[in-house]
Amino acid sequence: MRGQAATLERLRVDRQLEEAMVHGPDPLHLAEVFGLDEKTATRYADSARRLLETSAESWKVVTASTDDQR
C-alpha cells in the first residue's frame, strides 16, 4: 500500500460508510456488523444519512432539469 493515496484506515471507514448507505443509516446494524461503539456507529449513520439526502436532492435537480428540456 506504500505510495498509494488509500490507507487501511481510509478503506475501513469507506467500507463502514458504504454499509450504512446500502443497508440504511442504522447505528445498531453498524455496531453489530463492525463492533463499533455507540458514538462511532451513530456518527457513521449520520454521515450516511446526510449523503443519502444529498444524493436524493441532486437526483431531483437532474431529473427536473431533464424534464425541462423535453
N, C-alpha and C. Protein backbone atom coordinates (compact mmCIF):
# COMPACT_ATOMS: atom_id res chain seq x y z
N MET A 1 0.82 -1.19 0.00
CA MET A 1 0.00 0.00 0.00
C MET A 1 0.87 1.26 0.00
N ARG A 2 2.16 1.10 0.04
CA ARG A 2 3.02 2.28 0.04
C ARG A 2 2.90 3.03 -1.27
N GLY A 3 2.90 4.35 -1.16
CA GLY A 3 2.78 5.18 -2.34
C GLY A 3 1.35 5.34 -2.81
N GLN A 4 0.43 4.69 -2.16
CA GLN A 4 -0.99 4.77 -2.53
C GLN A 4 -1.67 5.84 -1.68
N ALA A 5 -2.68 6.48 -2.25
CA ALA A 5 -3.42 7.50 -1.52
C ALA A 5 -4.32 6.88 -0.45
N ALA A 6 -4.74 5.65 -0.68
CA ALA A 6 -5.64 4.98 0.26
C ALA A 6 -4.83 4.29 1.35
N THR A 7 -5.27 4.47 2.58
CA THR A 7 -4.65 3.77 3.70
C THR A 7 -5.64 2.71 4.17
N LEU A 8 -5.18 1.79 4.96
CA LEU A 8 -6.08 0.77 5.50
C LEU A 8 -7.19 1.41 6.33
N GLU A 9 -6.86 2.45 7.06
CA GLU A 9 -7.87 3.15 7.87
C GLU A 9 -8.93 3.78 6.98
N ARG A 10 -8.51 4.43 5.91
CA ARG A 10 -9.47 5.05 5.00
C ARG A 10 -10.33 4.00 4.32
N LEU A 11 -9.76 2.87 3.96
CA LEU A 11 -10.54 1.79 3.35
C LEU A 11 -11.56 1.22 4.35
N ARG A 12 -11.16 1.09 5.60
CA ARG A 12 -12.06 0.57 6.63
C ARG A 12 -13.24 1.53 6.83
N VAL A 13 -12.95 2.81 6.93
CA VAL A 13 -14.00 3.80 7.12
C VAL A 13 -14.93 3.82 5.90
N ASP A 14 -14.34 3.74 4.71
CA ASP A 14 -15.15 3.72 3.49
C ASP A 14 -16.08 2.52 3.47
N ARG A 15 -15.59 1.37 3.90
CA ARG A 15 -16.42 0.15 3.92
C ARG A 15 -17.57 0.31 4.90
N GLN A 16 -17.31 0.91 6.04
CA GLN A 16 -18.36 1.11 7.03
C GLN A 16 -19.41 2.10 6.53
N LEU A 17 -18.98 3.15 5.87
CA LEU A 17 -19.91 4.12 5.33
C LEU A 17 -20.74 3.50 4.20
N GLU A 18 -20.10 2.70 3.36
CA GLU A 18 -20.83 2.01 2.30
C GLU A 18 -21.90 1.09 2.88
N GLU A 19 -21.56 0.37 3.93
CA GLU A 19 -22.53 -0.50 4.60
C GLU A 19 -23.73 0.30 5.09
N ALA A 20 -23.46 1.47 5.64
CA ALA A 20 -24.53 2.32 6.15
C ALA A 20 -25.42 2.84 5.02
N MET A 21 -24.83 3.10 3.88
CA MET A 21 -25.61 3.60 2.76
C MET A 21 -26.42 2.49 2.10
N VAL A 22 -25.88 1.29 2.05
CA VAL A 22 -26.58 0.17 1.42
C VAL A 22 -27.72 -0.35 2.30
N HIS A 23 -27.46 -0.50 3.58
CA HIS A 23 -28.44 -1.09 4.48
C HIS A 23 -29.23 -0.05 5.28
N GLY A 24 -29.02 1.21 4.97
CA GLY A 24 -29.71 2.27 5.68
C GLY A 24 -28.87 2.74 6.85
N PRO A 25 -29.05 3.99 7.22
CA PRO A 25 -28.25 4.57 8.29
C PRO A 25 -28.74 4.13 9.68
N ASP A 26 -28.52 2.87 9.98
CA ASP A 26 -28.96 2.27 11.25
C ASP A 26 -27.75 2.04 12.15
N PRO A 27 -27.58 2.85 13.20
CA PRO A 27 -26.42 2.71 14.07
C PRO A 27 -26.31 1.33 14.71
N LEU A 28 -27.43 0.72 15.05
CA LEU A 28 -27.39 -0.61 15.67
C LEU A 28 -26.82 -1.64 14.71
N HIS A 29 -27.23 -1.58 13.46
CA HIS A 29 -26.69 -2.51 12.45
C HIS A 29 -25.18 -2.33 12.31
N LEU A 30 -24.74 -1.08 12.22
CA LEU A 30 -23.30 -0.82 12.08
C LEU A 30 -22.52 -1.30 13.29
N ALA A 31 -23.08 -1.08 14.48
CA ALA A 31 -22.41 -1.52 15.70
C ALA A 31 -22.27 -3.03 15.73
N GLU A 32 -23.30 -3.73 15.29
CA GLU A 32 -23.26 -5.20 15.31
C GLU A 32 -22.32 -5.75 14.25
N VAL A 33 -22.37 -5.21 13.04
CA VAL A 33 -21.55 -5.73 11.94
C VAL A 33 -20.07 -5.46 12.15
N PHE A 34 -19.74 -4.25 12.62
CA PHE A 34 -18.35 -3.85 12.72
C PHE A 34 -17.81 -3.79 14.15
N GLY A 35 -18.65 -4.04 15.12
CA GLY A 35 -18.20 -3.98 16.51
C GLY A 35 -17.86 -2.56 16.95
N LEU A 36 -18.61 -1.60 16.44
CA LEU A 36 -18.36 -0.19 16.76
C LEU A 36 -19.04 0.18 18.08
N ASP A 37 -18.49 1.19 18.74
CA ASP A 37 -19.18 1.70 19.93
C ASP A 37 -20.33 2.58 19.47
N GLU A 38 -21.18 2.93 20.41
CA GLU A 38 -22.41 3.67 20.11
C GLU A 38 -22.15 5.00 19.42
N LYS A 39 -21.19 5.76 19.91
CA LYS A 39 -20.92 7.08 19.33
C LYS A 39 -20.40 6.98 17.90
N THR A 40 -19.51 6.04 17.66
CA THR A 40 -18.95 5.87 16.31
C THR A 40 -20.03 5.40 15.34
N ALA A 41 -20.82 4.44 15.75
CA ALA A 41 -21.90 3.93 14.89
C ALA A 41 -22.89 5.04 14.57
N THR A 42 -23.20 5.86 15.53
CA THR A 42 -24.13 6.98 15.31
C THR A 42 -23.52 7.99 14.35
N ARG A 43 -22.24 8.26 14.50
CA ARG A 43 -21.56 9.21 13.61
C ARG A 43 -21.57 8.72 12.17
N TYR A 44 -21.28 7.45 11.95
CA TYR A 44 -21.32 6.89 10.60
C TYR A 44 -22.73 6.90 10.04
N ALA A 45 -23.71 6.58 10.85
CA ALA A 45 -25.10 6.59 10.40
C ALA A 45 -25.52 8.00 10.01
N ASP A 46 -25.13 8.99 10.79
CA ASP A 46 -25.46 10.39 10.47
C ASP A 46 -24.81 10.81 9.16
N SER A 47 -23.56 10.42 8.96
CA SER A 47 -22.86 10.75 7.71
C SER A 47 -23.56 10.12 6.52
N ALA A 48 -23.93 8.86 6.65
CA ALA A 48 -24.63 8.17 5.56
C ALA A 48 -25.97 8.82 5.28
N ARG A 49 -26.68 9.20 6.32
CA ARG A 49 -27.98 9.86 6.16
C ARG A 49 -27.82 11.16 5.37
N ARG A 50 -26.80 11.95 5.72
CA ARG A 50 -26.57 13.21 5.00
C ARG A 50 -26.21 12.95 3.54
N LEU A 51 -25.37 11.96 3.29
CA LEU A 51 -25.01 11.63 1.92
C LEU A 51 -26.21 11.15 1.11
N LEU A 52 -27.05 10.33 1.72
CA LEU A 52 -28.24 9.85 1.04
C LEU A 52 -29.19 11.00 0.73
N GLU A 53 -29.35 11.93 1.66
CA GLU A 53 -30.23 13.08 1.43
C GLU A 53 -29.66 13.97 0.32
N THR A 54 -28.36 14.18 0.33
CA THR A 54 -27.71 14.99 -0.70
C THR A 54 -27.87 14.33 -2.06
N SER A 55 -27.69 13.02 -2.11
CA SER A 55 -27.83 12.29 -3.37
C SER A 55 -29.26 12.40 -3.89
N ALA A 56 -30.23 12.27 -3.01
CA ALA A 56 -31.63 12.36 -3.41
C ALA A 56 -31.95 13.75 -3.93
N GLU A 57 -31.42 14.77 -3.27
CA GLU A 57 -31.66 16.15 -3.72
C GLU A 57 -31.01 16.39 -5.08
N SER A 58 -29.81 15.87 -5.27
CA SER A 58 -29.12 16.02 -6.55
C SER A 58 -29.89 15.31 -7.66
N TRP A 59 -30.41 14.15 -7.36
CA TRP A 59 -31.17 13.38 -8.34
C TRP A 59 -32.43 14.14 -8.75
N LYS A 60 -33.08 14.80 -7.79
CA LYS A 60 -34.28 15.58 -8.10
C LYS A 60 -33.94 16.74 -9.03
N VAL A 61 -32.81 17.38 -8.80
CA VAL A 61 -32.39 18.51 -9.64
C VAL A 61 -32.11 18.03 -11.05
N VAL A 62 -31.39 16.91 -11.18
CA VAL A 62 -31.06 16.36 -12.50
C VAL A 62 -32.33 15.95 -13.23
N THR A 63 -33.23 15.30 -12.53
CA THR A 63 -34.49 14.85 -13.13
C THR A 63 -35.32 16.05 -13.57
N ALA A 64 -35.42 17.07 -12.73
CA ALA A 64 -36.19 18.27 -13.07
C ALA A 64 -35.57 18.97 -14.28
N SER A 65 -34.25 19.03 -14.34
CA SER A 65 -33.56 19.67 -15.44
C SER A 65 -33.82 18.91 -16.74
N THR A 66 -33.79 17.61 -16.68
CA THR A 66 -34.05 16.76 -17.85
C THR A 66 -35.48 16.94 -18.31
N ASP A 67 -36.43 17.01 -17.38
CA ASP A 67 -37.84 17.20 -17.72
C ASP A 67 -38.07 18.55 -18.39
N ASP A 68 -37.34 19.59 -17.97
CA ASP A 68 -37.48 20.91 -18.54
C ASP A 68 -37.00 20.95 -19.99
N GLN A 69 -36.10 20.08 -20.36
CA GLN A 69 -35.54 20.08 -21.70
C GLN A 69 -36.45 19.37 -22.70
N ARG A 70 -37.44 18.69 -22.22
CA ARG A 70 -38.34 17.94 -23.14
C ARG A 70 -39.35 18.83 -23.76
